[in-house]
Amino acid sequence: MALGAQTGDVLRLVVNQGMRPVVIGLAIGIISAFALGRLIASQLYEVSAHNPALLGGATLLLATTAFIACLLPARRAARVDPIQALRSE
């Protein structure tokens, strides 16, 4: 912000940096769920391990939670007064 960045730029930067590992982790998790489907199916009662609603719901819930967890610090970083930030360092 002190070097001329806009609020949207700061938000985008912080959210992108926070969500990148989340997206990678979700992709690895979905691939692992499909690969270990037989083991998972033996642990579930009358639910398929490849149930798209179950996988999609869990993925959406985790992605939404991670997005909110990234957005809150990003909003705080975007609200920082550049003058105060430079004075504190």
PDB file of N, CA and C in Angstrom:
ATOM      1  N   MET A   1       0.833  -1.181   0.000  1.00  0.00           N
ATOM      2  CA  MET A   1       0.000   0.000   0.000  1.00  0.00           C
ATOM      3  C   MET A   1       0.885   1.255   0.000  1.00  0.00           C
ATOM      4  N   ALA A   2       2.001   1.190   0.716  1.00  0.00           N
ATOM      5  CA  ALA A   2       2.877   2.348   0.794  1.00  0.00           C
ATOM      6  C   ALA A   2       3.572   2.618  -0.535  1.00  0.00           C
ATOM      7  N   LEU A   3       3.663   1.628  -1.385  1.00  0.00           N
ATOM      8  CA  LEU A   3       4.329   1.803  -2.674  1.00  0.00           C
ATOM      9  C   LEU A   3       3.345   2.019  -3.808  1.00  0.00           C
ATOM     10  N   GLY A   4       2.077   2.252  -3.487  1.00  0.00           N
ATOM     11  CA  GLY A   4       1.103   2.574  -4.512  1.00  0.00           C
ATOM     12  C   GLY A   4       0.156   1.460  -4.898  1.00  0.00           C
ATOM     13  N   ALA A   5       0.180   0.351  -4.202  1.00  0.00           N
ATOM     14  CA  ALA A   5      -0.736  -0.746  -4.529  1.00  0.00           C
ATOM     15  C   ALA A   5      -2.158  -0.375  -4.122  1.00  0.00           C
ATOM     16  N   GLN A   6      -3.100  -0.801  -4.914  1.00  0.00           N
ATOM     17  CA  GLN A   6      -4.502  -0.559  -4.607  1.00  0.00           C
ATOM     18  C   GLN A   6      -4.990  -1.627  -3.628  1.00  0.00           C
ATOM     19  N   THR A   7      -6.129  -1.359  -3.003  1.00  0.00           N
ATOM     20  CA  THR A   7      -6.694  -2.293  -2.038  1.00  0.00           C
ATOM     21  C   THR A   7      -6.978  -3.645  -2.673  1.00  0.00           C
ATOM     22  N   GLY A   8      -7.527  -3.642  -3.876  1.00  0.00           N
ATOM     23  CA  GLY A   8      -7.825  -4.887  -4.577  1.00  0.00           C
ATOM     24  C   GLY A   8      -6.578  -5.693  -4.890  1.00  0.00           C
ATOM     25  N   ASP A   9      -5.490  -4.999  -5.190  1.00  0.00           N
ATOM     26  CA  ASP A   9      -4.228  -5.698  -5.464  1.00  0.00           C
ATOM     27  C   ASP A   9      -3.703  -6.413  -4.227  1.00  0.00           C
ATOM     28  N   VAL A  10      -3.805  -5.755  -3.083  1.00  0.00           N
ATOM     29  CA  VAL A  10      -3.336  -6.365  -1.834  1.00  0.00           C
ATOM     30  C   VAL A  10      -4.216  -7.559  -1.473  1.00  0.00           C
ATOM     31  N   LEU A  11      -5.528  -7.410  -1.604  1.00  0.00           N
ATOM     32  CA  LEU A  11      -6.439  -8.517  -1.327  1.00  0.00           C
ATOM     33  C   LEU A  11      -6.141  -9.715  -2.225  1.00  0.00           C
ATOM     34  N   ARG A  12      -5.986  -9.453  -3.506  1.00  0.00           N
ATOM     35  CA  ARG A  12      -5.723 -10.526  -4.474  1.00  0.00           C
ATOM     36  C   ARG A  12      -4.401 -11.226  -4.156  1.00  0.00           C
ATOM     37  N   LEU A  13      -3.375 -10.468  -3.816  1.00  0.00           N
ATOM     38  CA  LEU A  13      -2.068 -11.048  -3.518  1.00  0.00           C
ATOM     39  C   LEU A  13      -2.125 -11.972  -2.304  1.00  0.00           C
ATOM     40  N   VAL A  14      -2.722 -11.493  -1.226  1.00  0.00           N
ATOM     41  CA  VAL A  14      -2.753 -12.287   0.003  1.00  0.00           C
ATOM     42  C   VAL A  14      -3.640 -13.519  -0.165  1.00  0.00           C
ATOM     43  N   VAL A  15      -4.794 -13.358  -0.806  1.00  0.00           N
ATOM     44  CA  VAL A  15      -5.692 -14.506  -1.006  1.00  0.00           C
ATOM     45  C   VAL A  15      -5.056 -15.523  -1.951  1.00  0.00           C
ATOM     46  N   ASN A  16      -4.410 -15.078  -3.017  1.00  0.00           N
ATOM     47  CA  ASN A  16      -3.740 -16.010  -3.935  1.00  0.00           C
ATOM     48  C   ASN A  16      -2.635 -16.795  -3.237  1.00  0.00           C
ATOM     49  N   GLN A  17      -1.848 -16.118  -2.417  1.00  0.00           N
ATOM     50  CA  GLN A  17      -0.773 -16.811  -1.712  1.00  0.00           C
ATOM     51  C   GLN A  17      -1.320 -17.804  -0.693  1.00  0.00           C
ATOM     52  N   GLY A  18      -2.453 -17.498  -0.093  1.00  0.00           N
ATOM     53  CA  GLY A  18      -3.030 -18.403   0.885  1.00  0.00           C
ATOM     54  C   GLY A  18      -3.783 -19.561   0.269  1.00  0.00           C
ATOM     55  N   MET A  19      -4.421 -19.331  -0.866  1.00  0.00           N
ATOM     56  CA  MET A  19      -5.251 -20.359  -1.475  1.00  0.00           C
ATOM     57  C   MET A  19      -4.462 -21.338  -2.345  1.00  0.00           C
ATOM     58  N   ARG A  20      -3.283 -20.967  -2.779  1.00  0.00           N
ATOM     59  CA  ARG A  20      -2.485 -21.863  -3.625  1.00  0.00           C
ATOM     60  C   ARG A  20      -2.219 -23.209  -2.950  1.00  0.00           C
ATOM     61  N   PRO A  21      -1.732 -23.238  -1.694  1.00  0.00           N
ATOM     62  CA  PRO A  21      -1.534 -24.551  -1.056  1.00  0.00           C
ATOM     63  C   PRO A  21      -2.846 -25.286  -0.788  1.00  0.00           C
ATOM     64  N   VAL A  22      -3.916 -24.536  -0.580  1.00  0.00           N
ATOM     65  CA  VAL A  22      -5.219 -25.166  -0.339  1.00  0.00           C
ATOM     66  C   VAL A  22      -5.690 -25.902  -1.588  1.00  0.00           C
ATOM     67  N   VAL A  23      -5.576 -25.273  -2.731  1.00  0.00           N
ATOM     68  CA  VAL A  23      -6.007 -25.897  -3.984  1.00  0.00           C
ATOM     69  C   VAL A  23      -5.160 -27.132  -4.277  1.00  0.00           C
ATOM     70  N   ILE A  24      -3.865 -27.032  -4.048  1.00  0.00           N
ATOM     71  CA  ILE A  24      -2.986 -28.189  -4.257  1.00  0.00           C
ATOM     72  C   ILE A  24      -3.368 -29.318  -3.306  1.00  0.00           C
ATOM     73  N   GLY A  25      -3.616 -28.996  -2.053  1.00  0.00           N
ATOM     74  CA  GLY A  25      -4.009 -30.003  -1.075  1.00  0.00           C
ATOM     75  C   GLY A  25      -5.347 -30.645  -1.397  1.00  0.00           C
ATOM     76  N   LEU A  26      -6.306 -29.842  -1.865  1.00  0.00           N
ATOM     77  CA  LEU A  26      -7.602 -30.405  -2.245  1.00  0.00           C
ATOM     78  C   LEU A  26      -7.466 -31.340  -3.446  1.00  0.00           C
ATOM     79  N   ALA A  27      -6.642 -30.966  -4.406  1.00  0.00           N
ATOM     80  CA  ALA A  27      -6.431 -31.827  -5.575  1.00  0.00           C
ATOM     81  C   ALA A  27      -5.788 -33.148  -5.158  1.00  0.00           C
ATOM     82  N   ILE A  28      -4.789 -33.080  -4.288  1.00  0.00           N
ATOM     83  CA  ILE A  28      -4.150 -34.305  -3.803  1.00  0.00           C
ATOM     84  C   ILE A  28      -5.154 -35.144  -3.009  1.00  0.00           C
ATOM     85  N   GLY A  29      -5.991 -34.505  -2.224  1.00  0.00           N
ATOM     86  CA  GLY A  29      -6.990 -35.224  -1.441  1.00  0.00           C
ATOM     87  C   GLY A  29      -8.020 -35.923  -2.294  1.00  0.00           C
ATOM     88  N   ILE A  30      -8.482 -35.266  -3.346  1.00  0.00           N
ATOM     89  CA  ILE A  30      -9.474 -35.883  -4.228  1.00  0.00           C
ATOM     90  C   ILE A  30      -8.855 -37.068  -4.972  1.00  0.00           C
ATOM     91  N   ILE A  31      -7.644 -36.887  -5.461  1.00  0.00           N
ATOM     92  CA  ILE A  31      -6.953 -37.986  -6.148  1.00  0.00           C
ATOM     93  C   ILE A  31      -6.738 -39.151  -5.191  1.00  0.00           C
ATOM     94  N   SER A  32      -6.358 -38.859  -3.957  1.00  0.00           N
ATOM     95  CA  SER A  32      -6.158 -39.915  -2.956  1.00  0.00           C
ATOM     96  C   SER A  32      -7.467 -40.617  -2.626  1.00  0.00           C
ATOM     97  N   ALA A  33      -8.556 -39.858  -2.563  1.00  0.00           N
ATOM     98  CA  ALA A  33      -9.860 -40.460  -2.267  1.00  0.00           C
ATOM     99  C   ALA A  33     -10.267 -41.431  -3.366  1.00  0.00           C
ATOM    100  N   PHE A  34     -10.024 -41.071  -4.608  1.00  0.00           N
ATOM    101  CA  PHE A  34     -10.335 -41.996  -5.699  1.00  0.00           C
ATOM    102  C   PHE A  34      -9.396 -43.202  -5.692  1.00  0.00           C
ATOM    103  N   ALA A  35      -8.121 -42.970  -5.382  1.00  0.00           N
ATOM    104  CA  ALA A  35      -7.156 -44.070  -5.380  1.00  0.00           C
ATOM    105  C   ALA A  35      -7.415 -45.050  -4.234  1.00  0.00           C
ATOM    106  N   LEU A  36      -7.838 -44.540  -3.098  1.00  0.00           N
ATOM    107  CA  LEU A  36      -8.073 -45.385  -1.930  1.00  0.00           C
ATOM    108  C   LEU A  36      -9.557 -45.673  -1.736  1.00  0.00           C
ATOM    109  N   GLY A  37     -10.313 -45.641  -2.814  1.00  0.00           N
ATOM    110  CA  GLY A  37     -11.765 -45.808  -2.760  1.00  0.00           C
ATOM    111  C   GLY A  37     -12.220 -47.101  -2.130  1.00  0.00           C
ATOM    112  N   ARG A  38     -11.553 -48.191  -2.407  1.00  0.00           N
ATOM    113  CA  ARG A  38     -11.965 -49.482  -1.845  1.00  0.00           C
ATOM    114  C   ARG A  38     -11.809 -49.500  -0.335  1.00  0.00           C
ATOM    115  N   LEU A  39     -10.708 -48.952   0.148  1.00  0.00           N
ATOM    116  CA  LEU A  39     -10.495 -48.898   1.593  1.00  0.00           C
ATOM    117  C   LEU A  39     -11.539 -48.003   2.254  1.00  0.00           C
ATOM    118  N   ILE A  40     -11.819 -46.875   1.639  1.00  0.00           N
ATOM    119  CA  ILE A  40     -12.822 -45.962   2.185  1.00  0.00           C
ATOM    120  C   ILE A  40     -14.204 -46.604   2.148  1.00  0.00           C
ATOM    121  N   ALA A  41     -14.528 -47.306   1.082  1.00  0.00           N
ATOM    122  CA  ALA A  41     -15.843 -47.938   0.943  1.00  0.00           C
ATOM    123  C   ALA A  41     -16.074 -48.981   2.023  1.00  0.00           C
ATOM    124  N   SER A  42     -15.040 -49.659   2.460  1.00  0.00           N
ATOM    125  CA  SER A  42     -15.218 -50.660   3.507  1.00  0.00           C
ATOM    126  C   SER A  42     -15.486 -50.018   4.866  1.00  0.00           C
ATOM    127  N   GLN A  43     -15.145 -48.746   5.027  1.00  0.00           N
ATOM    128  CA  GLN A  43     -15.343 -48.050   6.295  1.00  0.00           C
ATOM    129  C   GLN A  43     -16.678 -47.307   6.368  1.00  0.00           C
ATOM    130  N   LEU A  44     -17.320 -47.100   5.228  1.00  0.00           N
ATOM    131  CA  LEU A  44     -18.571 -46.342   5.175  1.00  0.00           C
ATOM    132  C   LEU A  44     -19.766 -47.282   5.131  1.00  0.00           C
ATOM    133  N   TYR A  45     -20.863 -46.862   5.707  1.00  0.00           N
ATOM    134  CA  TYR A  45     -22.076 -47.670   5.728  1.00  0.00           C
ATOM    135  C   TYR A  45     -23.047 -47.144   4.683  1.00  0.00           C
ATOM    136  N   GLU A  46     -23.309 -47.917   3.670  1.00  0.00           N
ATOM    137  CA  GLU A  46     -24.240 -47.616   2.585  1.00  0.00           C
ATOM    138  C   GLU A  46     -23.948 -46.287   1.878  1.00  0.00           C
ATOM    139  N   VAL A  47     -22.683 -45.931   1.805  1.00  0.00           N
ATOM    140  CA  VAL A  47     -22.272 -44.731   1.079  1.00  0.00           C
ATOM    141  C   VAL A  47     -21.118 -45.121   0.176  1.00  0.00           C
ATOM    142  N   SER A  48     -21.223 -44.751  -1.083  1.00  0.00           N
ATOM    143  CA  SER A  48     -20.159 -45.053  -2.030  1.00  0.00           C
ATOM    144  C   SER A  48     -18.971 -44.129  -1.784  1.00  0.00           C
ATOM    145  N   ALA A  49     -17.784 -44.657  -1.934  1.00  0.00           N
ATOM    146  CA  ALA A  49     -16.581 -43.837  -1.749  1.00  0.00           C
ATOM    147  C   ALA A  49     -16.422 -42.823  -2.865  1.00  0.00           C
ATOM    148  N   HIS A  50     -17.060 -43.083  -4.004  1.00  0.00           N
ATOM    149  CA  HIS A  50     -16.952 -42.171  -5.136  1.00  0.00           C
ATOM    150  C   HIS A  50     -18.230 -41.356  -5.308  1.00  0.00           C
ATOM    151  N   ASN A  51     -18.933 -41.118  -4.231  1.00  0.00           N
ATOM    152  CA  ASN A  51     -20.158 -40.337  -4.256  1.00  0.00           C
ATOM    153  C   ASN A  51     -19.795 -38.883  -4.586  1.00  0.00           C
ATOM    154  N   PRO A  52     -20.232 -38.381  -5.732  1.00  0.00           N
ATOM    155  CA  PRO A  52     -19.841 -37.025  -6.122  1.00  0.00           C
ATOM    156  C   PRO A  52     -20.392 -35.950  -5.183  1.00  0.00           C
ATOM    157  N   ALA A  53     -21.558 -36.171  -4.627  1.00  0.00           N
ATOM    158  CA  ALA A  53     -22.120 -35.188  -3.699  1.00  0.00           C
ATOM    159  C   ALA A  53     -21.280 -35.111  -2.429  1.00  0.00           C
ATOM    160  N   LEU A  54     -20.840 -36.250  -1.935  1.00  0.00           N
ATOM    161  CA  LEU A  54     -20.026 -36.283  -0.730  1.00  0.00           C
ATOM    162  C   LEU A  54     -18.661 -35.637  -0.968  1.00  0.00           C
ATOM    163  N   LEU A  55     -18.002 -36.023  -2.052  1.00  0.00           N
ATOM    164  CA  LEU A  55     -16.688 -35.436  -2.360  1.00  0.00           C
ATOM    165  C   LEU A  55     -16.796 -33.948  -2.677  1.00  0.00           C
ATOM    166  N   GLY A  56     -17.812 -33.589  -3.441  1.00  0.00           N
ATOM    167  CA  GLY A  56     -17.998 -32.181  -3.788  1.00  0.00           C
ATOM    168  C   GLY A  56     -18.344 -31.328  -2.580  1.00  0.00           C
ATOM    169  N   GLY A  57     -19.194 -31.855  -1.713  1.00  0.00           N
ATOM    170  CA  GLY A  57     -19.567 -31.111  -0.511  1.00  0.00           C
ATOM    171  C   GLY A  57     -18.397 -30.899   0.425  1.00  0.00           C
ATOM    172  N   ALA A  58     -17.621 -31.946   0.626  1.00  0.00           N
ATOM    173  CA  ALA A  58     -16.449 -31.825   1.500  1.00  0.00           C
ATOM    174  C   ALA A  58     -15.421 -30.863   0.901  1.00  0.00           C
ATOM    175  N   THR A  59     -15.223 -30.960  -0.400  1.00  0.00           N
ATOM    176  CA  THR A  59     -14.274 -30.067  -1.069  1.00  0.00           C
ATOM    177  C   THR A  59     -14.738 -28.618  -0.984  1.00  0.00           C
ATOM    178  N   LEU A  60     -16.019 -28.404  -1.229  1.00  0.00           N
ATOM    179  CA  LEU A  60     -16.570 -27.044  -1.170  1.00  0.00           C
ATOM    180  C   LEU A  60     -16.488 -26.480   0.245  1.00  0.00           C
ATOM    181  N   LEU A  61     -16.793 -27.290   1.239  1.00  0.00           N
ATOM    182  CA  LEU A  61     -16.721 -26.839   2.627  1.00  0.00           C
ATOM    183  C   LEU A  61     -15.291 -26.464   3.007  1.00  0.00           C
ATOM    184  N   LEU A  62     -14.329 -27.303   2.660  1.00  0.00           N
ATOM    185  CA  LEU A  62     -12.932 -27.005   2.981  1.00  0.00           C
ATOM    186  C   LEU A  62     -12.420 -25.782   2.218  1.00  0.00           C
ATOM    187  N   ALA A  63     -12.788 -25.671   0.949  1.00  0.00           N
ATOM    188  CA  ALA A  63     -12.333 -24.525   0.152  1.00  0.00           C
ATOM    189  C   ALA A  63     -12.940 -23.224   0.670  1.00  0.00           C
ATOM    190  N   THR A  64     -14.207 -23.252   1.045  1.00  0.00           N
ATOM    191  CA  THR A  64     -14.865 -22.051   1.574  1.00  0.00           C
ATOM    192  C   THR A  64     -14.254 -21.632   2.901  1.00  0.00           C
ATOM    193  N   THR A  65     -14.011 -22.598   3.766  1.00  0.00           N
ATOM    194  CA  THR A  65     -13.396 -22.297   5.053  1.00  0.00           C
ATOM    195  C   THR A  65     -11.998 -21.709   4.868  1.00  0.00           C
ATOM    196  N   ALA A  66     -11.223 -22.282   3.975  1.00  0.00           N
ATOM    197  CA  ALA A  66      -9.876 -21.768   3.715  1.00  0.00           C
ATOM    198  C   ALA A  66      -9.923 -20.381   3.091  1.00  0.00           C
ATOM    199  N   PHE A  67     -10.894 -20.143   2.206  1.00  0.00           N
ATOM    200  CA  PHE A  67     -11.015 -18.827   1.580  1.00  0.00           C
ATOM    201  C   PHE A  67     -11.337 -17.763   2.620  1.00  0.00           C
ATOM    202  N   ILE A  68     -12.238 -18.075   3.526  1.00  0.00           N
ATOM    203  CA  ILE A  68     -12.573 -17.118   4.584  1.00  0.00           C
ATOM    204  C   ILE A  68     -11.365 -16.889   5.488  1.00  0.00           C
ATOM    205  N   ALA A  69     -10.628 -17.967   5.786  1.00  0.00           N
ATOM    206  CA  ALA A  69      -9.435 -17.843   6.617  1.00  0.00           C
ATOM    207  C   ALA A  69      -8.357 -17.018   5.934  1.00  0.00           C
ATOM    208  N   CYS A  70      -8.325 -16.987   4.613  1.00  0.00           N
ATOM    209  CA  CYS A  70      -7.358 -16.160   3.872  1.00  0.00           C
ATOM    210  C   CYS A  70      -7.873 -14.735   3.698  1.00  0.00           C
ATOM    211  N   LEU A  71      -9.172 -14.593   3.578  1.00  0.00           N
ATOM    212  CA  LEU A  71      -9.757 -13.281   3.305  1.00  0.00           C
ATOM    213  C   LEU A  71      -9.676 -12.352   4.507  1.00  0.00           C
ATOM    214  N   LEU A  72      -9.853 -12.880   5.714  1.00  0.00           N
ATOM    215  CA  LEU A  72      -9.827 -12.025   6.903  1.00  0.00           C
ATOM    216  C   LEU A  72      -8.482 -11.323   7.098  1.00  0.00           C
ATOM    217  N   PRO A  73      -7.341 -12.021   7.044  1.00  0.00           N
ATOM    218  CA  PRO A  73      -6.067 -11.304   7.140  1.00  0.00           C
ATOM    219  C   PRO A  73      -5.805 -10.400   5.931  1.00  0.00           C
ATOM    220  N   ALA A  74      -6.321 -10.784   4.770  1.00  0.00           N
ATOM    221  CA  ALA A  74      -6.130  -9.954   3.579  1.00  0.00           C
ATOM    222  C   ALA A  74      -6.854  -8.625   3.737  1.00  0.00           C
ATOM    223  N   ARG A  75      -8.062  -8.662   4.273  1.00  0.00           N
ATOM    224  CA  ARG A  75      -8.798  -7.409   4.505  1.00  0.00           C
ATOM    225  C   ARG A  75      -8.087  -6.553   5.535  1.00  0.00           C
ATOM    226  N   ARG A  76      -7.528  -7.194   6.558  1.00  0.00           N
ATOM    227  CA  ARG A  76      -6.797  -6.449   7.578  1.00  0.00           C
ATOM    228  C   ARG A  76      -5.547  -5.808   6.975  1.00  0.00           C
ATOM    229  N   ALA A  77      -4.855  -6.540   6.104  1.00  0.00           N
ATOM    230  CA  ALA A  77      -3.650  -5.997   5.463  1.00  0.00           C
ATOM    231  C   ALA A  77      -3.995  -4.856   4.522  1.00  0.00           C
ATOM    232  N   ALA A  78      -5.144  -4.926   3.874  1.00  0.00           N
ATOM    233  CA  ALA A  78      -5.543  -3.876   2.943  1.00  0.00           C
ATOM    234  C   ALA A  78      -5.982  -2.608   3.670  1.00  0.00           C
ATOM    235  N   ARG A  79      -6.394  -2.745   4.907  1.00  0.00           N
ATOM    236  CA  ARG A  79      -6.855  -1.576   5.673  1.00  0.00           C
ATOM    237  C   ARG A  79      -5.722  -0.812   6.357  1.00  0.00           C
ATOM    238  N   VAL A  80      -4.524  -1.365   6.360  1.00  0.00           N
ATOM    239  CA  VAL A  80      -3.409  -0.730   7.055  1.00  0.00           C
ATOM    240  C   VAL A  80      -3.107   0.612   6.410  1.00  0.00           C
ATOM    241  N   ASP A  81      -2.954   1.607   7.248  1.00  0.00           N
ATOM    242  CA  ASP A  81      -2.574   2.931   6.764  1.00  0.00           C
ATOM    243  C   ASP A  81      -1.100   2.887   6.370  1.00  0.00           C
ATOM    244  N   PRO A  82      -0.751   3.241   5.138  1.00  0.00           N
ATOM    245  CA  PRO A  82       0.651   3.159   4.703  1.00  0.00           C
ATOM    246  C   PRO A  82       1.608   3.985   5.560  1.00  0.00           C
ATOM    247  N   ILE A  83       1.168   5.136   6.029  1.00  0.00           N
ATOM    248  CA  ILE A  83       2.022   5.987   6.846  1.00  0.00           C
ATOM    249  C   ILE A  83       2.346   5.295   8.177  1.00  0.00           C
ATOM    250  N   GLN A  84       1.335   4.708   8.796  1.00  0.00           N
ATOM    251  CA  GLN A  84       1.549   4.003  10.057  1.00  0.00           C
ATOM    252  C   GLN A  84       2.453   2.782   9.867  1.00  0.00           C
ATOM    253  N   ALA A  85       2.290   2.087   8.767  1.00  0.00           N
ATOM    254  CA  ALA A  85       3.111   0.913   8.513  1.00  0.00           C
ATOM    255  C   ALA A  85       4.582   1.294   8.331  1.00  0.00           C
ATOM    256  N   LEU A  86       4.825   2.380   7.632  1.00  0.00           N
ATOM    257  CA  LEU A  86       6.202   2.817   7.435  1.00  0.00           C
ATOM    258  C   LEU A  86       6.815   3.356   8.720  1.00  0.00           C
ATOM    259  N   ARG A  87       6.022   3.997   9.553  1.00  0.00           N
ATOM    260  CA  ARG A  87       6.548   4.528  10.827  1.00  0.00           C
ATOM    261  C   ARG A  87       6.906   3.412  11.796  1.00  0.00           C
ATOM    262  N   SER A  88       6.154   2.323  11.768  1.00  0.00           N
ATOM    263  CA  SER A  88       6.417   1.257  12.738  1.00  0.00           C
ATOM    264  C   SER A  88       7.678   0.468  12.396  1.00  0.00           C
ATOM    265  N   GLU A  89       8.137   0.552  11.169  1.00  0.00           N
ATOM    266  CA  GLU A  89       9.355  -0.156  10.799  1.00  0.00           C
ATOM    267  C   GLU A  89      10.481   0.802  10.874  1.00  0.00           C
TER     268      GLU A  89
END
